[in-house]
Amino acid sequence: MKSVLFQNQQIAYEVEGSGPALIFIHGFPMDRRVWQNFIPAFIRDFTTISIDLPGFGQSEQLADEHPMWLMSKIVEMVLEAE
C-alpha cells in the first residue's frame, strides 16, 4: 500500500503491474478491495492503481461530505504521485 497526503490526511492506494495505467475507483460504501479479484487479470499488461477514497478503506476522512470535485482532485493527486 502507498499513500499521499491530501489536506493533511492520508489517502491510501495500491499500484500493481506494468504498462499503461488503469485506474480503479470504488463506489459508495466500498473501498479498493472491491477490485481485488479483477486486478490480477490486468497486471500483466497494465499498471493498475486502486484508490481508497476519503473515509473508506485505509484512507482518512477529510470532512462530513466529500463532493465529486474533491474526489477528482484526490484521483489527480494520486496520478501525479505515480
PDB file of N, CA and C in Angstrom:
ATOM      1  N   MET A   1       0.824  -1.173   0.000  1.00  0.00           N
ATOM      2  CA  MET A   1       0.000   0.000   0.000  1.00  0.00           C
ATOM      3  C   MET A   1       0.878   1.249   0.000  1.00  0.00           C
ATOM      4  N   LYS A   2       0.448   2.232  -0.764  1.00  0.00           N
ATOM      5  CA  LYS A   2       1.092   3.536  -0.796  1.00  0.00           C
ATOM      6  C   LYS A   2       0.090   4.561  -0.292  1.00  0.00           C
ATOM      7  N   SER A   3       0.565   5.775  -0.076  1.00  0.00           N
ATOM      8  CA  SER A   3      -0.359   6.835   0.304  1.00  0.00           C
ATOM      9  C   SER A   3       0.201   8.190  -0.094  1.00  0.00           C
ATOM     10  N   VAL A   4      -0.712   9.151  -0.215  1.00  0.00           N
ATOM     11  CA  VAL A   4      -0.354  10.551  -0.437  1.00  0.00           C
ATOM     12  C   VAL A   4      -1.087  11.367   0.618  1.00  0.00           C
ATOM     13  N   LEU A   5      -0.554  12.536   0.908  1.00  0.00           N
ATOM     14  CA  LEU A   5      -1.221  13.452   1.824  1.00  0.00           C
ATOM     15  C   LEU A   5      -2.098  14.409   1.033  1.00  0.00           C
ATOM     16  N   PHE A   6      -3.346  14.528   1.449  1.00  0.00           N
ATOM     17  CA  PHE A   6      -4.272  15.483   0.859  1.00  0.00           C
ATOM     18  C   PHE A   6      -4.951  16.199   2.014  1.00  0.00           C
ATOM     19  N   GLN A   7      -4.778  17.501   2.089  1.00  0.00           N
ATOM     20  CA  GLN A   7      -5.309  18.292   3.209  1.00  0.00           C
ATOM     21  C   GLN A   7      -4.890  17.682   4.552  1.00  0.00           C
ATOM     22  N   ASN A   8      -3.622  17.288   4.629  1.00  0.00           N
ATOM     23  CA  ASN A   8      -3.020  16.705   5.834  1.00  0.00           C
ATOM     24  C   ASN A   8      -3.641  15.380   6.271  1.00  0.00           C
ATOM     25  N   GLN A   9      -4.306  14.687   5.361  1.00  0.00           N
ATOM     26  CA  GLN A   9      -4.874  13.369   5.654  1.00  0.00           C
ATOM     27  C   GLN A   9      -4.317  12.347   4.660  1.00  0.00           C
ATOM     28  N   GLN A  10      -4.128  11.127   5.122  1.00  0.00           N
ATOM     29  CA  GLN A  10      -3.594  10.060   4.280  1.00  0.00           C
ATOM     30  C   GLN A  10      -4.667   9.522   3.336  1.00  0.00           C
ATOM     31  N   ILE A  11      -4.308   9.422   2.058  1.00  0.00           N
ATOM     32  CA  ILE A  11      -5.146   8.777   1.049  1.00  0.00           C
ATOM     33  C   ILE A  11      -4.385   7.537   0.583  1.00  0.00           C
ATOM     34  N   ALA A  12      -4.971   6.371   0.803  1.00  0.00           N
ATOM     35  CA  ALA A  12      -4.311   5.099   0.507  1.00  0.00           C
ATOM     36  C   ALA A  12      -4.628   4.632  -0.908  1.00  0.00           C
ATOM     37  N   TYR A  13      -3.631   3.986  -1.521  1.00  0.00           N
ATOM     38  CA  TYR A  13      -3.839   3.387  -2.833  1.00  0.00           C
ATOM     39  C   TYR A  13      -2.835   2.270  -3.050  1.00  0.00           C
ATOM     40  N   GLU A  14      -3.080   1.456  -4.050  1.00  0.00           N
ATOM     41  CA  GLU A  14      -2.231   0.309  -4.370  1.00  0.00           C
ATOM     42  C   GLU A  14      -1.863   0.379  -5.842  1.00  0.00           C
ATOM     43  N   VAL A  15      -0.612   0.057  -6.150  1.00  0.00           N
ATOM     44  CA  VAL A  15      -0.134   0.016  -7.533  1.00  0.00           C
ATOM     45  C   VAL A  15       0.411  -1.378  -7.799  1.00  0.00           C
ATOM     46  N   GLU A  16      -0.038  -1.970  -8.913  1.00  0.00           N
ATOM     47  CA  GLU A  16       0.446  -3.294  -9.311  1.00  0.00           C
ATOM     48  C   GLU A  16       0.612  -3.333 -10.816  1.00  0.00           C
ATOM     49  N   GLY A  17       1.479  -4.217 -11.291  1.00  0.00           N
ATOM     50  CA  GLY A  17       1.644  -4.443 -12.718  1.00  0.00           C
ATOM     51  C   GLY A  17       2.536  -3.425 -13.386  1.00  0.00           C
ATOM     52  N   SER A  18       2.541  -3.491 -14.736  1.00  0.00           N
ATOM     53  CA  SER A  18       3.329  -2.547 -15.529  1.00  0.00           C
ATOM     54  C   SER A  18       2.656  -2.345 -16.879  1.00  0.00           C
ATOM     55  N   GLY A  19       2.922  -1.199 -17.470  1.00  0.00           N
ATOM     56  CA  GLY A  19       2.317  -0.838 -18.741  1.00  0.00           C
ATOM     57  C   GLY A  19       1.437   0.386 -18.574  1.00  0.00           C
ATOM     58  N   PRO A  20       0.574   0.657 -19.554  1.00  0.00           N
ATOM     59  CA  PRO A  20      -0.336   1.804 -19.442  1.00  0.00           C
ATOM     60  C   PRO A  20      -1.200   1.675 -18.183  1.00  0.00           C
ATOM     61  N   ALA A  21      -1.576   2.808 -17.616  1.00  0.00           N
ATOM     62  CA  ALA A  21      -2.296   2.806 -16.347  1.00  0.00           C
ATOM     63  C   ALA A  21      -3.798   2.588 -16.513  1.00  0.00           C
ATOM     64  N   LEU A  22      -4.352   1.767 -15.622  1.00  0.00           N
ATOM     65  CA  LEU A  22      -5.796   1.615 -15.438  1.00  0.00           C
ATOM     66  C   LEU A  22      -6.094   2.042 -14.006  1.00  0.00           C
ATOM     67  N   ILE A  23      -7.078   2.917 -13.842  1.00  0.00           N
ATOM     68  CA  ILE A  23      -7.425   3.426 -12.523  1.00  0.00           C
ATOM     69  C   ILE A  23      -8.723   2.757 -12.066  1.00  0.00           C
ATOM     70  N   PHE A  24      -8.710   2.198 -10.880  1.00  0.00           N
ATOM     71  CA  PHE A  24      -9.878   1.531 -10.308  1.00  0.00           C
ATOM     72  C   PHE A  24     -10.405   2.383  -9.153  1.00  0.00           C
ATOM     73  N   ILE A  25     -11.644   2.866  -9.295  1.00  0.00           N
ATOM     74  CA  ILE A  25     -12.262   3.715  -8.281  1.00  0.00           C
ATOM     75  C   ILE A  25     -13.535   3.029  -7.793  1.00  0.00           C
ATOM     76  N   HIS A  26     -13.611   2.821  -6.503  1.00  0.00           N
ATOM     77  CA  HIS A  26     -14.766   2.126  -5.915  1.00  0.00           C
ATOM     78  C   HIS A  26     -15.970   3.042  -5.794  1.00  0.00           C
ATOM     79  N   GLY A  27     -17.127   2.432  -5.607  1.00  0.00           N
ATOM     80  CA  GLY A  27     -18.357   3.171  -5.350  1.00  0.00           C
ATOM     81  C   GLY A  27     -18.643   3.238  -3.858  1.00  0.00           C
ATOM     82  N   PHE A  28     -19.728   3.889  -3.510  1.00  0.00           N
ATOM     83  CA  PHE A  28     -20.161   4.011  -2.125  1.00  0.00           C
ATOM     84  C   PHE A  28     -20.890   2.738  -1.711  1.00  0.00           C
ATOM     85  N   PRO A  29     -20.660   2.209  -0.587  1.00  0.00           N
ATOM     86  CA  PRO A  29     -19.761   2.500   0.517  1.00  0.00           C
ATOM     87  C   PRO A  29     -18.599   1.513   0.568  1.00  0.00           C
ATOM     88  N   MET A  30     -17.960   1.262  -0.514  1.00  0.00           N
ATOM     89  CA  MET A  30     -16.906   0.246  -0.607  1.00  0.00           C
ATOM     90  C   MET A  30     -15.523   0.860  -0.436  1.00  0.00           C
ATOM     91  N   ASP A  31     -14.499   0.054  -0.709  1.00  0.00           N
ATOM     92  CA  ASP A  31     -13.119   0.540  -0.757  1.00  0.00           C
ATOM     93  C   ASP A  31     -12.397  -0.209  -1.877  1.00  0.00           C
ATOM     94  N   ARG A  32     -11.098   0.007  -2.006  1.00  0.00           N
ATOM     95  CA  ARG A  32     -10.362  -0.549  -3.146  1.00  0.00           C
ATOM     96  C   ARG A  32     -10.361  -2.077  -3.182  1.00  0.00           C
ATOM     97  N   ARG A  33     -10.674  -2.716  -2.073  1.00  0.00           N
ATOM     98  CA  ARG A  33     -10.713  -4.186  -2.046  1.00  0.00           C
ATOM     99  C   ARG A  33     -11.777  -4.762  -2.974  1.00  0.00           C
ATOM    100  N   VAL A  34     -12.765  -3.963  -3.351  1.00  0.00           N
ATOM    101  CA  VAL A  34     -13.812  -4.448  -4.253  1.00  0.00           C
ATOM    102  C   VAL A  34     -13.212  -4.910  -5.586  1.00  0.00           C
ATOM    103  N   TRP A  35     -12.037  -4.398  -5.926  1.00  0.00           N
ATOM    104  CA  TRP A  35     -11.384  -4.725  -7.199  1.00  0.00           C
ATOM    105  C   TRP A  35     -10.380  -5.872  -7.089  1.00  0.00           C
ATOM    106  N   GLN A  36     -10.138  -6.409  -5.900  1.00  0.00           N
ATOM    107  CA  GLN A  36      -9.047  -7.371  -5.705  1.00  0.00           C
ATOM    108  C   GLN A  36      -9.152  -8.624  -6.575  1.00  0.00           C
ATOM    109  N   ASN A  37     -10.340  -9.059  -6.932  1.00  0.00           N
ATOM    110  CA  ASN A  37     -10.470 -10.244  -7.787  1.00  0.00           C
ATOM    111  C   ASN A  37     -10.348  -9.923  -9.273  1.00  0.00           C
ATOM    112  N   PHE A  38     -10.444  -8.647  -9.639  1.00  0.00           N
ATOM    113  CA  PHE A  38     -10.359  -8.228 -11.039  1.00  0.00           C
ATOM    114  C   PHE A  38      -8.940  -7.853 -11.448  1.00  0.00           C
ATOM    115  N   ILE A  39      -8.198  -7.247 -10.544  1.00  0.00           N
ATOM    116  CA  ILE A  39      -6.881  -6.701 -10.865  1.00  0.00           C
ATOM    117  C   ILE A  39      -5.898  -7.745 -11.393  1.00  0.00           C
ATOM    118  N   PRO A  40      -5.837  -8.979 -10.862  1.00  0.00           N
ATOM    119  CA  PRO A  40      -4.870  -9.944 -11.388  1.00  0.00           C
ATOM    120  C   PRO A  40      -4.975 -10.185 -12.903  1.00  0.00           C
ATOM    121  N   ALA A  41      -6.154 -10.019 -13.456  1.00  0.00           N
ATOM    122  CA  ALA A  41      -6.330 -10.217 -14.902  1.00  0.00           C
ATOM    123  C   ALA A  41      -5.676  -9.113 -15.723  1.00  0.00           C
ATOM    124  N   PHE A  42      -5.322  -7.994 -15.095  1.00  0.00           N
ATOM    125  CA  PHE A  42      -4.799  -6.846 -15.821  1.00  0.00           C
ATOM    126  C   PHE A  42      -3.318  -6.570 -15.599  1.00  0.00           C
ATOM    127  N   ILE A  43      -2.730  -7.085 -14.513  1.00  0.00           N
ATOM    128  CA  ILE A  43      -1.381  -6.645 -14.134  1.00  0.00           C
ATOM    129  C   ILE A  43      -0.271  -7.081 -15.090  1.00  0.00           C
ATOM    130  N   ARG A  44      -0.525  -8.025 -15.951  1.00  0.00           N
ATOM    131  CA  ARG A  44       0.497  -8.414 -16.919  1.00  0.00           C
ATOM    132  C   ARG A  44       0.683  -7.343 -17.997  1.00  0.00           C
ATOM    133  N   ASP A  45      -0.399  -6.670 -18.349  1.00  0.00           N
ATOM    134  CA  ASP A  45      -0.361  -5.709 -19.444  1.00  0.00           C
ATOM    135  C   ASP A  45      -0.539  -4.256 -19.017  1.00  0.00           C
ATOM    136  N   PHE A  46      -0.938  -4.037 -17.779  1.00  0.00           N
ATOM    137  CA  PHE A  46      -1.246  -2.682 -17.330  1.00  0.00           C
ATOM    138  C   PHE A  46      -0.697  -2.413 -15.929  1.00  0.00           C
ATOM    139  N   THR A  47      -0.458  -1.152 -15.642  1.00  0.00           N
ATOM    140  CA  THR A  47      -0.227  -0.700 -14.277  1.00  0.00           C
ATOM    141  C   THR A  47      -1.599  -0.393 -13.701  1.00  0.00           C
ATOM    142  N   THR A  48      -1.971  -1.086 -12.646  1.00  0.00           N
ATOM    143  CA  THR A  48      -3.280  -0.850 -12.024  1.00  0.00           C
ATOM    144  C   THR A  48      -3.091   0.007 -10.778  1.00  0.00           C
ATOM    145  N   ILE A  49      -3.955   0.989 -10.638  1.00  0.00           N
ATOM    146  CA  ILE A  49      -3.935   1.868  -9.475  1.00  0.00           C
ATOM    147  C   ILE A  49      -5.339   1.840  -8.877  1.00  0.00           C
ATOM    148  N   SER A  50      -5.446   1.297  -7.665  1.00  0.00           N
ATOM    149  CA  SER A  50      -6.741   1.252  -6.976  1.00  0.00           C
ATOM    150  C   SER A  50      -6.658   2.156  -5.755  1.00  0.00           C
ATOM    151  N   ILE A  51      -7.642   3.031  -5.620  1.00  0.00           N
ATOM    152  CA  ILE A  51      -7.617   4.108  -4.631  1.00  0.00           C
ATOM    153  C   ILE A  51      -8.722   3.893  -3.591  1.00  0.00           C
ATOM    154  N   ASP A  52      -8.364   4.124  -2.323  1.00  0.00           N
ATOM    155  CA  ASP A  52      -9.370   4.229  -1.263  1.00  0.00           C
ATOM    156  C   ASP A  52      -9.759   5.696  -1.167  1.00  0.00           C
ATOM    157  N   LEU A  53     -10.972   6.029  -1.578  1.00  0.00           N
ATOM    158  CA  LEU A  53     -11.433   7.406  -1.480  1.00  0.00           C
ATOM    159  C   LEU A  53     -11.563   7.798  -0.007  1.00  0.00           C
ATOM    160  N   PRO A  54     -11.587   9.086   0.318  1.00  0.00           N
ATOM    161  CA  PRO A  54     -11.577   9.531   1.713  1.00  0.00           C
ATOM    162  C   PRO A  54     -12.717   8.940   2.545  1.00  0.00           C
ATOM    163  N   GLY A  55     -12.337   8.475   3.727  1.00  0.00           N
ATOM    164  CA  GLY A  55     -13.311   7.906   4.647  1.00  0.00           C
ATOM    165  C   GLY A  55     -13.597   6.438   4.417  1.00  0.00           C
ATOM    166  N   PHE A  56     -12.926   5.820   3.446  1.00  0.00           N
ATOM    167  CA  PHE A  56     -13.145   4.409   3.134  1.00  0.00           C
ATOM    168  C   PHE A  56     -11.808   3.661   3.140  1.00  0.00           C
ATOM    169  N   GLY A  57     -11.873   2.380   3.457  1.00  0.00           N
ATOM    170  CA  GLY A  57     -10.662   1.562   3.465  1.00  0.00           C
ATOM    171  C   GLY A  57      -9.633   2.143   4.412  1.00  0.00           C
ATOM    172  N   GLN A  58      -8.428   2.340   3.905  1.00  0.00           N
ATOM    173  CA  GLN A  58      -7.335   2.844   4.725  1.00  0.00           C
ATOM    174  C   GLN A  58      -7.101   4.341   4.548  1.00  0.00           C
ATOM    175  N   SER A  59      -8.007   5.032   3.871  1.00  0.00           N
ATOM    176  CA  SER A  59      -7.892   6.487   3.721  1.00  0.00           C
ATOM    177  C   SER A  59      -8.637   7.191   4.846  1.00  0.00           C
ATOM    178  N   GLU A  60      -8.069   8.304   5.274  1.00  0.00           N
ATOM    179  CA  GLU A  60      -8.689   9.079   6.337  1.00  0.00           C
ATOM    180  C   GLU A  60      -9.821   9.952   5.791  1.00  0.00           C
ATOM    181  N   GLN A  61     -10.771  10.245   6.641  1.00  0.00           N
ATOM    182  CA  GLN A  61     -11.889  11.102   6.250  1.00  0.00           C
ATOM    183  C   GLN A  61     -11.438  12.560   6.280  1.00  0.00           C
ATOM    184  N   LEU A  62     -11.855  13.329   5.277  1.00  0.00           N
ATOM    185  CA  LEU A  62     -11.481  14.737   5.194  1.00  0.00           C
ATOM    186  C   LEU A  62     -12.527  15.660   5.805  1.00  0.00           C
ATOM    187  N   ALA A  63     -13.791  15.325   5.638  1.00  0.00           N
ATOM    188  CA  ALA A  63     -14.890  16.178   6.088  1.00  0.00           C
ATOM    189  C   ALA A  63     -16.140  15.320   6.257  1.00  0.00           C
ATOM    190  N   ASP A  64     -17.241  15.951   6.633  1.00  0.00           N
ATOM    191  CA  ASP A  64     -18.500  15.219   6.745  1.00  0.00           C
ATOM    192  C   ASP A  64     -19.033  14.802   5.382  1.00  0.00           C
ATOM    193  N   GLU A  65     -18.757  15.616   4.360  1.00  0.00           N
ATOM    194  CA  GLU A  65     -19.180  15.320   2.993  1.00  0.00           C
ATOM    195  C   GLU A  65     -17.986  15.440   2.062  1.00  0.00           C
ATOM    196  N   HIS A  66     -17.969  14.599   1.034  1.00  0.00           N
ATOM    197  CA  HIS A  66     -16.891  14.615   0.041  1.00  0.00           C
ATOM    198  C   HIS A  66     -17.505  14.783  -1.350  1.00  0.00           C
ATOM    199  N   PRO A  67     -17.602  16.010  -1.849  1.00  0.00           N
ATOM    200  CA  PRO A  67     -18.206  16.224  -3.172  1.00  0.00           C
ATOM    201  C   PRO A  67     -17.342  15.645  -4.289  1.00  0.00           C
ATOM    202  N   MET A  68     -17.952  15.464  -5.450  1.00  0.00           N
ATOM    203  CA  MET A  68     -17.249  14.862  -6.586  1.00  0.00           C
ATOM    204  C   MET A  68     -16.011  15.644  -7.009  1.00  0.00           C
ATOM    205  N   TRP A  69     -16.049  16.977  -6.955  1.00  0.00           N
ATOM    206  CA  TRP A  69     -14.873  17.745  -7.355  1.00  0.00           C
ATOM    207  C   TRP A  69     -13.693  17.420  -6.438  1.00  0.00           C
ATOM    208  N   LEU A  70     -13.971  17.144  -5.166  1.00  0.00           N
ATOM    209  CA  LEU A  70     -12.917  16.790  -4.228  1.00  0.00           C
ATOM    210  C   LEU A  70     -12.367  15.405  -4.547  1.00  0.00           C
ATOM    211  N   MET A  71     -13.246  14.482  -4.864  1.00  0.00           N
ATOM    212  CA  MET A  71     -12.806  13.136  -5.241  1.00  0.00           C
ATOM    213  C   MET A  71     -11.898  13.195  -6.478  1.00  0.00           C
ATOM    214  N   SER A  72     -12.267  14.024  -7.451  1.00  0.00           N
ATOM    215  CA  SER A  72     -11.443  14.129  -8.669  1.00  0.00           C
ATOM    216  C   SER A  72     -10.078  14.713  -8.355  1.00  0.00           C
ATOM    217  N   LYS A  73      -9.993  15.642  -7.419  1.00  0.00           N
ATOM    218  CA  LYS A  73      -8.698  16.202  -7.010  1.00  0.00           C
ATOM    219  C   LYS A  73      -7.823  15.134  -6.359  1.00  0.00           C
ATOM    220  N   ILE A  74      -8.441  14.254  -5.590  1.00  0.00           N
ATOM    221  CA  ILE A  74      -7.688  13.179  -4.947  1.00  0.00           C
ATOM    222  C   ILE A  74      -7.148  12.210  -5.982  1.00  0.00           C
ATOM    223  N   VAL A  75      -7.972  11.842  -6.945  1.00  0.00           N
ATOM    224  CA  VAL A  75      -7.506  10.959  -8.027  1.00  0.00           C
ATOM    225  C   VAL A  75      -6.366  11.637  -8.777  1.00  0.00           C
ATOM    226  N   GLU A  76      -6.514  12.903  -9.074  1.00  0.00           N
ATOM    227  CA  GLU A  76      -5.464  13.663  -9.762  1.00  0.00           C
ATOM    228  C   GLU A  76      -4.163  13.638  -8.965  1.00  0.00           C
ATOM    229  N   MET A  77      -4.241  13.832  -7.655  1.00  0.00           N
ATOM    230  CA  MET A  77      -3.049  13.844  -6.822  1.00  0.00           C
ATOM    231  C   MET A  77      -2.355  12.476  -6.824  1.00  0.00           C
ATOM    232  N   VAL A  78      -3.133  11.403  -6.748  1.00  0.00           N
ATOM    233  CA  VAL A  78      -2.552  10.059  -6.799  1.00  0.00           C
ATOM    234  C   VAL A  78      -1.843   9.844  -8.135  1.00  0.00           C
ATOM    235  N   LEU A  79      -2.487  10.234  -9.220  1.00  0.00           N
ATOM    236  CA  LEU A  79      -1.876  10.063 -10.541  1.00  0.00           C
ATOM    237  C   LEU A  79      -0.603  10.877 -10.678  1.00  0.00           C
ATOM    238  N   GLU A  80      -0.594  12.086 -10.147  1.00  0.00           N
ATOM    239  CA  GLU A  80       0.623  12.899 -10.183  1.00  0.00           C
ATOM    240  C   GLU A  80       1.740  12.255  -9.373  1.00  0.00           C
ATOM    241  N   ALA A  81       1.394  11.622  -8.244  1.00  0.00           N
ATOM    242  CA  ALA A  81       2.390  10.956  -7.405  1.00  0.00           C
ATOM    243  C   ALA A  81       3.012   9.769  -8.129  1.00  0.00           C
ATOM    244  N   GLU A  82       2.242   9.135  -8.994  1.00  0.00           N
ATOM    245  CA  GLU A  82       2.743   7.974  -9.724  1.00  0.00           C
ATOM    246  C   GLU A  82       3.319   8.361 -11.073  1.00  0.00           C
TER     247      GLU A  82
END
